[in-house]
Amino acid sequence: MLRTDLSVTRKRKSYHHGDLRRALVNAAVSLLTKTQRWDFSLREVARCAGVSHNAPYSHFASKRELLAAVAAKGYEILRARVLTHCSAWKDKTG
């Protein structure tokens, strides 16, 4: 019997990223770390994250919002490092 429903046998063309917001922030942090510059574009961040050039706009209305998320991530990283060092210092001093 010949199958007429080809949509079942074809691979899905649409793609759902999963955690796009985190991927975009990580891509921006990566670009920032690599270039030491803030002048990258949202299109460049999307390329680095491996998503379409319009994808960042589903989570960030502007580059400014993305940079705010990058700054928040930086503070989270700083907080974790400070807590780790404080804990190690406390363990050493008793």
Protein backbone atom coordinates (compact mmCIF):
# COMPACT_ATOMS: atom_id res chain seq x y z
CA MET A 1 0.00 0.00 0.00
CA LEU A 2 1.36 3.42 -0.94
CA ARG A 3 1.44 5.93 1.85
CA THR A 4 -0.08 9.27 0.90
CA ASP A 5 0.53 11.07 4.20
CA LEU A 6 4.10 12.28 3.66
CA SER A 7 3.98 14.74 6.57
CA VAL A 8 4.44 11.86 9.02
CA THR A 9 7.57 10.58 7.29
CA ARG A 10 9.27 13.96 6.83
CA LYS A 11 11.34 15.56 9.51
CA ARG A 12 9.84 18.51 11.26
CA LYS A 13 11.14 21.79 9.86
CA SER A 14 10.18 23.99 12.78
CA TYR A 15 12.54 24.06 15.71
CA HIS A 16 11.92 24.98 19.31
CA HIS A 17 15.06 26.04 21.13
CA GLY A 18 14.09 25.24 24.70
CA ASP A 19 15.56 27.94 26.90
CA LEU A 20 16.10 30.68 24.34
CA ARG A 21 16.41 33.48 26.89
CA ARG A 22 19.29 31.75 28.67
CA ALA A 23 20.94 30.86 25.37
CA LEU A 24 20.80 34.49 24.22
CA VAL A 25 22.20 35.80 27.50
CA ASN A 26 24.98 33.21 27.38
CA ALA A 27 25.74 34.14 23.77
CA ALA A 28 25.93 37.82 24.72
CA VAL A 29 28.24 37.02 27.64
CA SER A 30 30.39 34.96 25.28
CA LEU A 31 30.61 37.82 22.78
CA LEU A 32 31.38 40.28 25.56
CA THR A 33 34.10 38.03 26.96
CA LYS A 34 35.58 37.43 23.52
CA THR A 35 35.54 41.01 22.22
CA GLN A 36 35.55 43.06 25.47
CA ARG A 37 33.09 45.38 23.69
CA TRP A 38 29.40 46.18 24.09
CA ASP A 39 28.81 47.18 20.47
CA PHE A 40 27.60 43.80 19.22
CA SER A 41 24.15 43.63 17.61
CA LEU A 42 21.16 41.47 18.51
CA ARG A 43 21.62 39.83 15.12
CA GLU A 44 25.17 38.87 16.10
CA VAL A 45 23.92 37.46 19.42
CA ALA A 46 21.31 35.42 17.54
CA ARG A 47 23.98 34.09 15.18
CA CYS A 48 26.18 33.13 18.12
CA ALA A 49 23.22 31.35 19.80
CA GLY A 50 22.37 29.55 16.56
CA VAL A 51 18.88 30.99 16.17
CA SER A 52 17.14 33.23 13.64
CA HIS A 53 17.92 36.94 13.65
CA ASN A 54 14.39 37.70 14.88
CA ALA A 55 14.46 35.20 17.77
CA PRO A 56 15.94 37.61 20.38
CA TYR A 57 12.90 39.86 20.05
CA SER A 58 10.67 37.17 21.55
CA HIS A 59 12.45 37.75 24.89
CA PHE A 60 14.08 41.18 24.61
CA ALA A 61 12.45 44.27 23.12
CA SER A 62 15.84 45.90 22.64
CA LYS A 63 19.55 45.41 23.04
CA ARG A 64 19.30 47.45 26.24
CA GLU A 65 17.03 44.79 27.78
CA LEU A 66 19.45 42.04 26.77
CA LEU A 67 22.35 43.96 28.32
CA ALA A 68 20.33 44.36 31.54
CA ALA A 69 19.90 40.58 31.63
CA VAL A 70 23.64 40.16 31.00
CA ALA A 71 24.39 42.54 33.90
CA ALA A 72 22.02 40.60 36.17
CA LYS A 73 23.77 37.36 35.22
CA GLY A 74 27.11 39.01 36.02
CA TYR A 75 25.88 39.93 39.49
CA GLU A 76 24.64 36.37 40.03
CA ILE A 77 28.08 35.04 39.10
CA LEU A 78 29.77 37.58 41.38
CA ARG A 79 27.45 36.68 44.26
CA ALA A 80 28.18 32.97 43.86
CA ARG A 81 31.93 33.58 43.83
CA VAL A 82 31.80 35.85 46.89
CA LEU A 83 29.74 33.29 48.81
CA THR A 84 32.15 30.52 47.84
CA HIS A 85 35.15 32.54 49.01
CA CYS A 86 33.41 33.62 52.22
CA SER A 87 32.53 30.03 52.98
CA ALA A 88 36.11 28.90 52.34
CA TRP A 89 37.46 31.72 54.51
CA LYS A 90 35.01 30.86 57.31
CA ASP A 91 36.10 27.19 57.16
CA LYS A 92 39.77 28.19 57.46
CA THR A 93 39.25 30.56 60.39
CA GLY A 94 36.94 28.25 62.25
